[in-house]
Amino acid sequence: MEKKHEQELSVLEALRLHREFHLPRPVPADEQEKPLDKVKEPPRACRSREREER
């Protein structure tokens, strides 16, 4: 009886380790819906030339 119980525990542990190493990690809640950083676009080159002509 005890040997069968130990076998069941070892099978459960093997399944747990398989899930641990082979399934994708869940994304933590604080990283899921993070707003993107806003990046300013550099000024257009033609606008700079217009300023030089003035």
Protein backbone atom coordinates (compact mmCIF):
# COMPACT_ATOMS: atom_id res chain seq x y z
CA MET A 1 0.00 0.00 0.00
CA GLU A 2 2.74 2.45 0.98
CA LYS A 3 4.77 1.64 -2.13
CA LYS A 4 1.72 2.36 -4.34
CA HIS A 5 1.23 5.70 -2.55
CA GLU A 6 4.88 6.63 -3.16
CA GLN A 7 4.48 5.73 -6.85
CA GLU A 8 1.41 7.96 -7.13
CA LEU A 9 3.29 10.82 -5.49
CA SER A 10 6.24 10.40 -7.84
CA VAL A 11 3.89 10.43 -10.86
CA LEU A 12 2.22 13.60 -9.58
CA GLU A 13 5.61 15.22 -9.02
CA ALA A 14 6.72 14.27 -12.54
CA LEU A 15 3.55 15.83 -13.98
CA ARG A 16 4.08 18.99 -11.92
CA LEU A 17 7.67 19.31 -13.15
CA HIS A 18 6.57 18.73 -16.73
CA ARG A 19 4.03 21.55 -16.46
CA GLU A 20 6.60 23.78 -14.77
CA PHE A 21 9.14 23.44 -17.56
CA HIS A 22 7.00 22.92 -20.68
CA LEU A 23 4.00 25.23 -20.36
CA PRO A 24 4.26 28.96 -21.16
CA ARG A 25 4.59 31.28 -18.21
CA PRO A 26 1.55 33.43 -17.39
CA VAL A 27 2.13 37.16 -17.81
CA PRO A 28 2.15 38.98 -14.43
CA ALA A 29 -0.83 41.28 -13.88
CA ASP A 30 1.33 44.41 -13.65
CA GLU A 31 2.79 43.77 -17.14
CA GLN A 32 -0.41 42.81 -18.99
CA GLU A 33 -2.04 46.11 -19.97
CA LYS A 34 0.89 48.49 -19.71
CA PRO A 35 0.35 51.69 -21.73
CA LEU A 36 2.95 52.27 -24.41
CA ASP A 37 5.45 55.08 -23.99
CA LYS A 38 4.76 58.03 -26.25
CA VAL A 39 7.64 58.87 -28.57
CA LYS A 40 7.83 62.25 -30.30
CA GLU A 41 8.56 62.12 -34.00
CA PRO A 42 11.54 64.17 -35.19
CA PRO A 43 10.58 67.32 -37.13
CA ARG A 44 10.23 66.94 -40.87
CA ALA A 45 13.24 68.06 -42.92
CA CYS A 46 11.18 70.18 -45.32
CA ARG A 47 9.88 72.28 -42.44
CA SER A 48 13.44 73.06 -41.35
CA ARG A 49 14.34 74.19 -44.88
CA GLU A 50 11.30 76.47 -44.94
CA ARG A 51 12.52 78.17 -41.77
CA GLU A 52 15.98 78.69 -43.27
CA GLU A 53 14.49 80.39 -46.35
CA ARG A 54 12.68 83.02 -44.30
